[in-house]
Amino acid sequence: MNPVWTAKDLERNLARVLEQARTVGPQRIRDETGIYVLKIEDDFNKPDAAESLLKMRPKG
């Protein structure tokens, strides 16, 4: 499991936390109100699955 970042860690290492969320998986950040989970949901660089299927459909 990934380590839990503190809110101070997040302030100092935002780019690293974002990169870790993208490459390693969800990142946990703890502050005085609880633990938050940062995860990547969409990669807009990848083609849409529906568009890919439409391109592969038989022509004619």
PDB file of N, CA and C in Angstrom:
ATOM      1  N   MET A   1       0.846  -1.179   0.000  1.00  0.00           N
ATOM      2  CA  MET A   1       0.000   0.000   0.000  1.00  0.00           C
ATOM      3  C   MET A   1       0.896   1.248   0.000  1.00  0.00           C
ATOM      4  N   ASN A   2       0.428   2.303  -0.629  1.00  0.00           N
ATOM      5  CA  ASN A   2       1.180   3.542  -0.699  1.00  0.00           C
ATOM      6  C   ASN A   2       1.189   4.242   0.653  1.00  0.00           C
ATOM      7  N   PRO A   3       2.255   4.972   0.948  1.00  0.00           N
ATOM      8  CA  PRO A   3       2.288   5.710   2.212  1.00  0.00           C
ATOM      9  C   PRO A   3       1.231   6.815   2.223  1.00  0.00           C
ATOM     10  N   VAL A   4       0.896   7.281   3.422  1.00  0.00           N
ATOM     11  CA  VAL A   4      -0.052   8.389   3.569  1.00  0.00           C
ATOM     12  C   VAL A   4       0.741   9.682   3.634  1.00  0.00           C
ATOM     13  N   TRP A   5       0.410  10.613   2.737  1.00  0.00           N
ATOM     14  CA  TRP A   5       1.040  11.923   2.731  1.00  0.00           C
ATOM     15  C   TRP A   5       0.371  12.797   3.784  1.00  0.00           C
ATOM     16  N   THR A   6       1.108  13.727   4.357  1.00  0.00           N
ATOM     17  CA  THR A   6       0.481  14.730   5.216  1.00  0.00           C
ATOM     18  C   THR A   6       0.097  15.912   4.337  1.00  0.00           C
ATOM     19  N   ALA A   7      -0.751  16.784   4.873  1.00  0.00           N
ATOM     20  CA  ALA A   7      -1.133  17.979   4.121  1.00  0.00           C
ATOM     21  C   ALA A   7       0.100  18.833   3.817  1.00  0.00           C
ATOM     22  N   LYS A   8       1.042  18.892   4.756  1.00  0.00           N
ATOM     23  CA  LYS A   8       2.298  19.644   4.526  1.00  0.00           C
ATOM     24  C   LYS A   8       3.106  19.008   3.407  1.00  0.00           C
ATOM     25  N   ASP A   9       3.182  17.660   3.394  1.00  0.00           N
ATOM     26  CA  ASP A   9       3.879  16.959   2.303  1.00  0.00           C
ATOM     27  C   ASP A   9       3.257  17.324   0.965  1.00  0.00           C
ATOM     28  N   LEU A  10       1.929  17.344   0.934  1.00  0.00           N
ATOM     29  CA  LEU A  10       1.219  17.659  -0.302  1.00  0.00           C
ATOM     30  C   LEU A  10       1.573  19.061  -0.782  1.00  0.00           C
ATOM     31  N   GLU A  11       1.621  20.014   0.137  1.00  0.00           N
ATOM     32  CA  GLU A  11       1.959  21.392  -0.235  1.00  0.00           C
ATOM     33  C   GLU A  11       3.362  21.468  -0.855  1.00  0.00           C
ATOM     34  N   ARG A  12       4.295  20.714  -0.305  1.00  0.00           N
ATOM     35  CA  ARG A  12       5.685  20.766  -0.786  1.00  0.00           C
ATOM     36  C   ARG A  12       5.923  19.899  -2.015  1.00  0.00           C
ATOM     37  N   ASN A  13       5.084  18.888  -2.233  1.00  0.00           N
ATOM     38  CA  ASN A  13       5.358  17.883  -3.259  1.00  0.00           C
ATOM     39  C   ASN A  13       4.170  17.631  -4.189  1.00  0.00           C
ATOM     40  N   LEU A  14       3.402  18.656  -4.522  1.00  0.00           N
ATOM     41  CA  LEU A  14       2.190  18.451  -5.311  1.00  0.00           C
ATOM     42  C   LEU A  14       2.480  17.726  -6.623  1.00  0.00           C
ATOM     43  N   ALA A  15       3.492  18.147  -7.348  1.00  0.00           N
ATOM     44  CA  ALA A  15       3.799  17.500  -8.628  1.00  0.00           C
ATOM     45  C   ALA A  15       4.129  16.022  -8.426  1.00  0.00           C
ATOM     46  N   ARG A  16       4.868  15.707  -7.378  1.00  0.00           N
ATOM     47  CA  ARG A  16       5.223  14.307  -7.097  1.00  0.00           C
ATOM     48  C   ARG A  16       3.991  13.488  -6.714  1.00  0.00           C
ATOM     49  N   VAL A  17       3.117  14.063  -5.900  1.00  0.00           N
ATOM     50  CA  VAL A  17       1.900  13.351  -5.497  1.00  0.00           C
ATOM     51  C   VAL A  17       1.033  13.072  -6.721  1.00  0.00           C
ATOM     52  N   LEU A  18       0.885  14.057  -7.603  1.00  0.00           N
ATOM     53  CA  LEU A  18       0.100  13.857  -8.824  1.00  0.00           C
ATOM     54  C   LEU A  18       0.723  12.787  -9.709  1.00  0.00           C
ATOM     55  N   GLU A  19       2.037  12.821  -9.852  1.00  0.00           N
ATOM     56  CA  GLU A  19       2.728  11.816 -10.670  1.00  0.00           C
ATOM     57  C   GLU A  19       2.554  10.423 -10.070  1.00  0.00           C
ATOM     58  N   GLN A  20       2.659  10.319  -8.757  1.00  0.00           N
ATOM     59  CA  GLN A  20       2.481   9.020  -8.093  1.00  0.00           C
ATOM     60  C   GLN A  20       1.054   8.513  -8.264  1.00  0.00           C
ATOM     61  N   ALA A  21       0.069   9.418  -8.219  1.00  0.00           N
ATOM     62  CA  ALA A  21      -1.321   9.011  -8.431  1.00  0.00           C
ATOM     63  C   ALA A  21      -1.495   8.476  -9.844  1.00  0.00           C
ATOM     64  N   ARG A  22      -0.790   9.069 -10.799  1.00  0.00           N
ATOM     65  CA  ARG A  22      -0.908   8.642 -12.190  1.00  0.00           C
ATOM     66  C   ARG A  22      -0.179   7.333 -12.445  1.00  0.00           C
ATOM     67  N   THR A  23       1.004   7.158 -11.858  1.00  0.00           N
ATOM     68  CA  THR A  23       1.842   6.008 -12.193  1.00  0.00           C
ATOM     69  C   THR A  23       1.759   4.847 -11.204  1.00  0.00           C
ATOM     70  N   VAL A  24       1.536   5.141  -9.929  1.00  0.00           N
ATOM     71  CA  VAL A  24       1.545   4.104  -8.890  1.00  0.00           C
ATOM     72  C   VAL A  24       0.135   3.695  -8.491  1.00  0.00           C
ATOM     73  N   GLY A  25      -0.739   4.678  -8.340  1.00  0.00           N
ATOM     74  CA  GLY A  25      -2.098   4.404  -7.911  1.00  0.00           C
ATOM     75  C   GLY A  25      -2.576   5.470  -6.953  1.00  0.00           C
ATOM     76  N   PRO A  26      -3.752   5.281  -6.381  1.00  0.00           N
ATOM     77  CA  PRO A  26      -4.329   6.289  -5.485  1.00  0.00           C
ATOM     78  C   PRO A  26      -3.367   6.686  -4.367  1.00  0.00           C
ATOM     79  N   GLN A  27      -3.354   7.987  -4.074  1.00  0.00           N
ATOM     80  CA  GLN A  27      -2.509   8.529  -3.018  1.00  0.00           C
ATOM     81  C   GLN A  27      -3.398   9.009  -1.881  1.00  0.00           C
ATOM     82  N   ARG A  28      -2.994   8.711  -0.652  1.00  0.00           N
ATOM     83  CA  ARG A  28      -3.759   9.098   0.525  1.00  0.00           C
ATOM     84  C   ARG A  28      -3.109  10.305   1.183  1.00  0.00           C
ATOM     85  N   ILE A  29      -3.940  11.285   1.519  1.00  0.00           N
ATOM     86  CA  ILE A  29      -3.461  12.510   2.149  1.00  0.00           C
ATOM     87  C   ILE A  29      -4.246  12.703   3.441  1.00  0.00           C
ATOM     88  N   ARG A  30      -3.513  12.849   4.548  1.00  0.00           N
ATOM     89  CA  ARG A  30      -4.164  12.991   5.857  1.00  0.00           C
ATOM     90  C   ARG A  30      -4.011  14.435   6.336  1.00  0.00           C
ATOM     91  N   ASP A  31      -5.119  14.984   6.836  1.00  0.00           N
ATOM     92  CA  ASP A  31      -5.050  16.243   7.577  1.00  0.00           C
ATOM     93  C   ASP A  31      -5.907  16.090   8.825  1.00  0.00           C
ATOM     94  N   GLU A  32      -6.143  17.178   9.529  1.00  0.00           N
ATOM     95  CA  GLU A  32      -6.855  17.073  10.806  1.00  0.00           C
ATOM     96  C   GLU A  32      -8.321  16.671  10.642  1.00  0.00           C
ATOM     97  N   THR A  33      -8.863  16.736   9.429  1.00  0.00           N
ATOM     98  CA  THR A  33     -10.272  16.372   9.226  1.00  0.00           C
ATOM     99  C   THR A  33     -10.467  14.951   8.726  1.00  0.00           C
ATOM    100  N   GLY A  34      -9.392  14.287   8.314  1.00  0.00           N
ATOM    101  CA  GLY A  34      -9.531  12.917   7.845  1.00  0.00           C
ATOM    102  C   GLY A  34      -8.501  12.561   6.794  1.00  0.00           C
ATOM    103  N   ILE A  35      -8.767  11.476   6.074  1.00  0.00           N
ATOM    104  CA  ILE A  35      -7.877  11.016   5.007  1.00  0.00           C
ATOM    105  C   ILE A  35      -8.611  11.175   3.684  1.00  0.00           C
ATOM    106  N   TYR A  36      -7.942  11.810   2.740  1.00  0.00           N
ATOM    107  CA  TYR A  36      -8.469  12.008   1.396  1.00  0.00           C
ATOM    108  C   TYR A  36      -7.711  11.097   0.448  1.00  0.00           C
ATOM    109  N   VAL A  37      -8.364  10.625  -0.593  1.00  0.00           N
ATOM    110  CA  VAL A  37      -7.740   9.753  -1.573  1.00  0.00           C
ATOM    111  C   VAL A  37      -7.738  10.475  -2.909  1.00  0.00           C
ATOM    112  N   LEU A  38      -6.546  10.614  -3.485  1.00  0.00           N
ATOM    113  CA  LEU A  38      -6.381  11.249  -4.784  1.00  0.00           C
ATOM    114  C   LEU A  38      -6.106  10.157  -5.800  1.00  0.00           C
ATOM    115  N   LYS A  39      -6.954  10.073  -6.823  1.00  0.00           N
ATOM    116  CA  LYS A  39      -6.740   9.063  -7.853  1.00  0.00           C
ATOM    117  C   LYS A  39      -7.033   9.676  -9.216  1.00  0.00           C
ATOM    118  N   ILE A  40      -6.481   9.068 -10.231  1.00  0.00           N
ATOM    119  CA  ILE A  40      -6.706   9.488 -11.596  1.00  0.00           C
ATOM    120  C   ILE A  40      -7.876   8.678 -12.140  1.00  0.00           C
ATOM    121  N   GLU A  41      -8.875   9.337 -12.698  1.00  0.00           N
ATOM    122  CA  GLU A  41     -10.026   8.627 -13.245  1.00  0.00           C
ATOM    123  C   GLU A  41      -9.979   8.519 -14.756  1.00  0.00           C
ATOM    124  N   ASP A  42      -9.557   9.557 -15.423  1.00  0.00           N
ATOM    125  CA  ASP A  42      -9.562   9.557 -16.883  1.00  0.00           C
ATOM    126  C   ASP A  42      -8.197   9.968 -17.411  1.00  0.00           C
ATOM    127  N   ASP A  43      -7.805   9.325 -18.490  1.00  0.00           N
ATOM    128  CA  ASP A  43      -6.599   9.734 -19.196  1.00  0.00           C
ATOM    129  C   ASP A  43      -7.077  10.248 -20.548  1.00  0.00           C
ATOM    130  N   PHE A  44      -7.133  11.550 -20.694  1.00  0.00           N
ATOM    131  CA  PHE A  44      -7.695  12.144 -21.895  1.00  0.00           C
ATOM    132  C   PHE A  44      -6.797  11.973 -23.110  1.00  0.00           C
ATOM    133  N   ASN A  45      -5.613  11.407 -22.938  1.00  0.00           N
ATOM    134  CA  ASN A  45      -4.717  11.141 -24.062  1.00  0.00           C
ATOM    135  C   ASN A  45      -5.075   9.847 -24.772  1.00  0.00           C
ATOM    136  N   LYS A  46      -5.860   9.004 -24.122  1.00  0.00           N
ATOM    137  CA  LYS A  46      -6.248   7.727 -24.716  1.00  0.00           C
ATOM    138  C   LYS A  46      -7.520   7.924 -25.533  1.00  0.00           C
ATOM    139  N   PRO A  47      -7.637   7.228 -26.649  1.00  0.00           N
ATOM    140  CA  PRO A  47      -8.849   7.369 -27.452  1.00  0.00           C
ATOM    141  C   PRO A  47     -10.072   6.815 -26.719  1.00  0.00           C
ATOM    142  N   ASP A  48     -11.203   7.386 -27.005  1.00  0.00           N
ATOM    143  CA  ASP A  48     -12.464   6.929 -26.442  1.00  0.00           C
ATOM    144  C   ASP A  48     -12.754   5.522 -26.960  1.00  0.00           C
ATOM    145  N   ALA A  49     -13.203   4.617 -26.105  1.00  0.00           N
ATOM    146  CA  ALA A  49     -13.461   3.228 -26.503  1.00  0.00           C
ATOM    147  C   ALA A  49     -14.519   3.153 -27.598  1.00  0.00           C
ATOM    148  N   ALA A  50     -15.573   3.964 -27.496  1.00  0.00           N
ATOM    149  CA  ALA A  50     -16.621   3.940 -28.525  1.00  0.00           C
ATOM    150  C   ALA A  50     -16.073   4.381 -29.872  1.00  0.00           C
ATOM    151  N   GLU A  51     -15.232   5.414 -29.875  1.00  0.00           N
ATOM    152  CA  GLU A  51     -14.638   5.878 -31.133  1.00  0.00           C
ATOM    153  C   GLU A  51     -13.753   4.797 -31.735  1.00  0.00           C
ATOM    154  N   SER A  52     -12.994   4.104 -30.908  1.00  0.00           N
ATOM    155  CA  SER A  52     -12.122   3.034 -31.397  1.00  0.00           C
ATOM    156  C   SER A  52     -12.933   1.905 -32.022  1.00  0.00           C
ATOM    157  N   LEU A  53     -14.039   1.536 -31.389  1.00  0.00           N
ATOM    158  CA  LEU A  53     -14.884   0.477 -31.933  1.00  0.00           C
ATOM    159  C   LEU A  53     -15.518   0.901 -33.257  1.00  0.00           C
ATOM    160  N   LEU A  54     -15.933   2.148 -33.354  1.00  0.00           N
ATOM    161  CA  LEU A  54     -16.513   2.638 -34.599  1.00  0.00           C
ATOM    162  C   LEU A  54     -15.503   2.581 -35.744  1.00  0.00           C
ATOM    163  N   LYS A  55     -14.250   2.885 -35.461  1.00  0.00           N
ATOM    164  CA  LYS A  55     -13.213   2.840 -36.479  1.00  0.00           C
ATOM    165  C   LYS A  55     -12.954   1.406 -36.957  1.00  0.00           C
ATOM    166  N   MET A  56     -13.184   0.424 -36.088  1.00  0.00           N
ATOM    167  CA  MET A  56     -12.900  -0.981 -36.425  1.00  0.00           C
ATOM    168  C   MET A  56     -14.083  -1.675 -37.099  1.00  0.00           C
ATOM    169  N   ARG A  57     -15.247  -1.026 -37.142  1.00  0.00           N
ATOM    170  CA  ARG A  57     -16.433  -1.674 -37.688  1.00  0.00           C
ATOM    171  C   ARG A  57     -16.260  -1.962 -39.185  1.00  0.00           C
ATOM    172  N   PRO A  58     -16.892  -3.010 -39.685  1.00  0.00           N
ATOM    173  CA  PRO A  58     -16.822  -3.316 -41.120  1.00  0.00           C
ATOM    174  C   PRO A  58     -17.429  -2.192 -41.955  1.00  0.00           C
ATOM    175  N   LYS A  59     -16.793  -1.879 -43.048  1.00  0.00           N
ATOM    176  CA  LYS A  59     -17.305  -0.837 -43.946  1.00  0.00           C
ATOM    177  C   LYS A  59     -18.219  -1.471 -44.981  1.00  0.00           C
ATOM    178  N   GLY A  60     -19.195  -0.716 -45.432  1.00  0.00           N
ATOM    179  CA  GLY A  60     -20.019  -1.194 -46.532  1.00  0.00           C
ATOM    180  C   GLY A  60     -21.334  -1.605 -46.164  1.00  0.00           C
TER     181      GLY A  60
END
